Amino acid sequence: MSKKDPWERIRFLVGRWEGSAKGEPGVGFSSREYKYDPNGRFITARNRSIYEAKSSNDTPEAHEDFGIYSFDNLLGKPVPRQFHTEGFINEYVGDEASDPTVVDFTTVRVENISQGWRAGESIKVVSSDQFLETFSIAPPGEGIRYLFRDEVGSESLAGGKASSYTLLSCSCPRRNDCTALGAPAAFRLPVRAEASSSGAR
């Protein structure tokens, strides 16, 4: 009897993805990458989203998070942990879903926020190179509410067929310099002063 693949439900995520983002922060672009680390025992994820400035006096809003997916053999489910630039750390567990094209996660623990907050993520597979991700939150004692959705298409690591989205991953160490993303000027963040003065790239 063959051993069950622990990553069966989420293996499709591995690769580079890019697309549109919309929700409470506004509209913007999102880029992310999932890969195996180390030796396929974990899946790591890096996400960066940039949201359009809400007025001419505002600057675009950026969000980044880093995630690690492990597989809990006792639960028989993947357990993602997300580390957000705002300081929140979300630990999820996979929920059972009757629809094979949907993967749901619900928090079992959230660090650095008032007790009682909950969050959920739902990933809907649209095709082999596109998925929709919806993120929702629930304040203490209240029902869960939608916060934002990313509509993401893939770019093959081998340089194969890419989706219709045009955002490229930003590899510049000046993390706020988003001109490399090919995004419209309204979505670009100013270069940090310290990066400009040091001449770093």
Protein backbone atom coordinates (compact mmCIF):
# COMPACT_ATOMS: atom_id res chain seq x y z
CA MET A 1 0.00 0.00 0.00
CA SER A 2 1.48 3.31 -1.08
CA LYS A 3 2.00 6.05 1.49
CA LYS A 4 -0.41 8.96 1.21
CA ASP A 5 1.07 12.19 -0.13
CA PRO A 6 0.88 14.71 2.77
CA TRP A 7 0.94 17.64 0.33
CA GLU A 8 -1.74 16.28 -1.98
CA ARG A 9 -4.19 19.15 -1.39
CA ILE A 10 -1.70 22.02 -1.62
CA ARG A 11 1.12 20.74 -3.83
CA PHE A 12 -0.29 22.81 -6.71
CA LEU A 13 0.81 25.98 -4.88
CA VAL A 14 4.52 25.28 -5.37
CA GLY A 15 5.88 27.80 -7.89
CA ARG A 16 5.79 31.56 -8.54
CA TRP A 17 2.44 33.33 -8.64
CA GLU A 18 1.31 36.85 -9.45
CA GLY A 19 -1.96 38.67 -9.89
CA SER A 20 -4.48 41.18 -8.62
CA ALA A 21 -5.53 41.94 -5.05
CA LYS A 22 -8.63 43.73 -3.80
CA GLY A 23 -10.52 44.22 -0.59
CA GLU A 24 -10.58 46.47 2.46
CA PRO A 25 -7.07 47.91 1.77
CA GLY A 26 -8.13 48.79 -1.80
CA VAL A 27 -6.95 47.38 -5.11
CA GLY A 28 -3.43 46.36 -5.97
CA PHE A 29 -0.97 43.72 -7.11
CA SER A 30 0.27 40.59 -5.41
CA SER A 31 3.29 38.35 -6.01
CA ARG A 32 4.27 35.24 -4.11
CA GLU A 33 6.38 32.10 -4.24
CA TYR A 34 5.94 28.69 -2.65
CA LYS A 35 8.78 26.15 -2.52
CA TYR A 36 9.95 23.04 -0.67
CA ASP A 37 12.37 23.53 2.25
CA PRO A 38 14.27 21.42 3.20
CA ASN A 39 14.05 18.07 1.42
CA GLY A 40 10.33 18.45 0.85
CA ARG A 41 9.43 18.25 4.55
CA PHE A 42 8.09 21.80 4.60
CA ILE A 43 6.66 24.28 2.13
CA THR A 44 7.67 27.91 2.57
CA ALA A 45 5.76 30.86 1.17
CA ARG A 46 6.63 34.52 0.60
CA ASN A 47 3.96 37.03 -0.30
CA ARG A 48 4.07 40.73 -1.18
CA SER A 49 1.02 42.84 -1.98
CA ILE A 50 0.96 46.53 -2.93
CA TYR A 51 -2.28 48.51 -2.74
CA GLU A 52 -3.03 51.71 -4.64
CA ALA A 53 -2.84 54.97 -2.68
CA LYS A 54 -6.32 56.04 -1.59
CA SER A 55 -5.65 59.73 -2.32
CA SER A 56 -3.00 61.95 -3.86
CA ASN A 57 -1.68 62.69 -0.37
CA ASP A 58 -1.24 59.03 0.53
CA THR A 59 1.43 56.53 -0.42
CA PRO A 60 0.68 53.00 -1.63
CA GLU A 61 0.24 50.44 1.14
CA ALA A 62 2.50 47.39 1.14
CA HIS A 63 2.01 44.11 2.94
CA GLU A 64 4.43 41.21 3.23
CA ASP A 65 4.27 37.89 4.99
CA PHE A 66 6.37 34.76 5.26
CA GLY A 67 4.83 31.36 5.82
CA ILE A 68 5.84 27.80 6.69
CA TYR A 69 3.59 24.82 5.98
CA SER A 70 4.21 21.67 8.01
CA PHE A 71 2.20 18.46 8.07
CA ASP A 72 0.83 17.26 11.41
CA ASN A 73 0.83 13.46 11.24
CA LEU A 74 -1.49 13.13 14.24
CA LEU A 75 -4.08 15.47 12.75
CA GLY A 76 -3.43 14.25 9.23
CA LYS A 77 -3.61 17.86 8.02
CA PRO A 78 -1.29 20.64 6.82
CA VAL A 79 -0.58 23.33 9.41
CA PRO A 80 0.44 26.74 7.99
CA ARG A 81 2.10 29.42 10.10
CA GLN A 82 2.23 32.97 8.76
CA PHE A 83 4.52 35.76 9.97
CA HIS A 84 3.22 39.19 8.97
CA THR A 85 5.11 42.48 8.75
CA GLU A 86 2.51 44.00 11.10
CA GLY A 87 3.72 41.60 13.81
CA PHE A 88 0.84 39.13 13.71
CA ILE A 89 1.61 35.42 13.64
CA ASN A 90 -1.22 33.18 12.48
CA GLU A 91 -1.21 29.43 13.04
CA TYR A 92 -3.82 27.60 10.98
CA VAL A 93 -5.03 24.08 10.54
CA GLY A 94 -6.57 22.67 7.39
CA ASP A 95 -10.35 22.15 7.38
CA GLU A 96 -12.15 19.29 5.70
CA ALA A 97 -13.73 20.35 2.42
CA SER A 98 -16.17 18.38 0.30
CA ASP A 99 -15.13 20.32 -2.80
CA PRO A 100 -11.75 18.98 -4.05
CA THR A 101 -10.99 22.35 -5.68
CA VAL A 102 -11.20 24.23 -2.35
CA VAL A 103 -8.67 24.28 0.49
CA ASP A 104 -9.75 26.00 3.73
CA PHE A 105 -7.65 26.98 6.74
CA THR A 106 -8.83 28.36 10.09
CA THR A 107 -6.62 29.81 12.82
CA VAL A 108 -6.11 27.90 16.02
CA ARG A 109 -3.80 30.56 17.44
CA VAL A 110 -3.02 34.21 16.68
CA GLU A 111 -0.09 36.00 18.32
CA ASN A 112 0.24 39.72 19.08
CA ILE A 113 -3.44 40.63 18.91
CA SER A 114 -6.27 40.74 21.46
CA GLN A 115 -7.52 37.36 22.60
CA GLY A 116 -10.45 35.98 20.66
CA TRP A 117 -9.58 37.14 17.15
CA ARG A 118 -9.85 34.51 14.41
CA ALA A 119 -8.82 34.39 10.77
CA GLY A 120 -9.52 32.12 7.85
CA GLU A 121 -8.13 31.54 4.38
CA SER A 122 -9.89 29.83 1.52
CA ILE A 123 -8.09 28.82 -1.67
CA LYS A 124 -10.18 28.02 -4.73
CA VAL A 125 -8.41 26.31 -7.63
CA VAL A 126 -9.67 27.79 -10.89
CA SER A 127 -7.29 26.03 -13.26
CA SER A 128 -3.76 24.60 -13.38
CA ASP A 129 -2.36 28.13 -13.47
CA GLN A 130 -4.85 30.19 -11.50
CA PHE A 131 -6.40 30.27 -8.03
CA LEU A 132 -8.46 32.63 -5.88
CA GLU A 133 -7.53 33.21 -2.26
CA THR A 134 -9.93 34.86 0.18
CA PHE A 135 -8.79 36.07 3.61
CA SER A 136 -11.37 36.76 6.31
CA ILE A 137 -11.19 37.83 9.95
CA ALA A 138 -13.53 37.69 12.95
CA PRO A 139 -13.23 40.06 15.94
CA PRO A 140 -13.88 38.55 19.38
CA GLY A 141 -17.52 37.50 19.72
CA GLU A 142 -18.42 38.44 16.15
CA GLY A 143 -18.96 36.56 12.92
CA ILE A 144 -16.23 36.24 10.33
CA ARG A 145 -16.04 38.93 7.64
CA TYR A 146 -14.29 39.13 4.30
CA LEU A 147 -11.15 41.29 4.24
CA PHE A 148 -9.51 40.81 0.86
CA ARG A 149 -9.12 38.50 -2.10
CA ASP A 150 -6.14 37.79 -4.33
CA GLU A 151 -6.72 36.53 -7.86
CA VAL A 152 -3.43 34.92 -8.73
CA GLY A 153 -1.98 33.33 -11.84
CA SER A 154 1.22 31.31 -12.13
CA GLU A 155 4.57 31.77 -13.78
CA SER A 156 6.39 28.47 -14.24
CA LEU A 157 9.76 28.17 -12.51
CA ALA A 158 10.98 26.59 -15.73
CA GLY A 159 9.90 29.64 -17.71
CA GLY A 160 6.89 27.95 -19.24
CA LYS A 161 3.42 29.33 -19.83
CA ALA A 162 2.53 32.29 -17.62
CA SER A 163 -0.87 33.67 -16.81
CA SER A 164 -2.24 36.92 -18.17
CA TYR A 165 -1.02 38.86 -15.12
CA THR A 166 2.02 41.04 -15.65
CA LEU A 167 3.40 41.74 -12.17
CA LEU A 168 6.94 40.42 -11.73
CA SER A 169 8.60 39.40 -8.48
CA CYS A 170 10.74 42.18 -7.05
CA SER A 171 14.26 40.93 -6.34
CA CYS A 172 15.69 44.31 -5.41
CA PRO A 173 16.99 44.41 -1.79
CA ARG A 174 15.52 47.92 -1.56
CA ARG A 175 12.23 46.30 -0.67
CA ASN A 176 10.18 49.49 -1.13
CA ASP A 177 11.49 50.20 -4.62
CA CYS A 178 8.76 48.65 -6.72
CA THR A 179 9.68 50.09 -10.10
CA ALA A 180 11.03 46.60 -10.86
CA LEU A 181 7.51 45.24 -10.50
CA GLY A 182 6.35 46.82 -13.73
CA ALA A 183 3.38 48.27 -11.83
CA PRO A 184 1.73 51.59 -12.76
CA ALA A 185 3.29 54.62 -11.06
CA ALA A 186 0.31 54.90 -8.69
CA PHE A 187 1.28 51.55 -7.17
CA ARG A 188 4.98 52.23 -6.72
CA LEU A 189 6.39 52.91 -3.29
CA PRO A 190 9.11 55.52 -2.69
CA VAL A 191 12.66 54.26 -2.29
CA ARG A 192 13.73 54.31 1.34
CA ALA A 193 16.00 57.24 2.12
CA GLU A 194 18.59 55.04 3.82
CA ALA A 195 18.79 52.79 0.77
CA SER A 196 19.26 55.76 -1.55
CA SER A 197 21.96 57.35 0.60
CA SER A 198 23.91 54.11 0.92
CA GLY A 199 23.78 53.38 -2.77
CA ALA A 200 22.62 49.85 -1.98
CA ARG A 201 20.80 47.80 -4.57
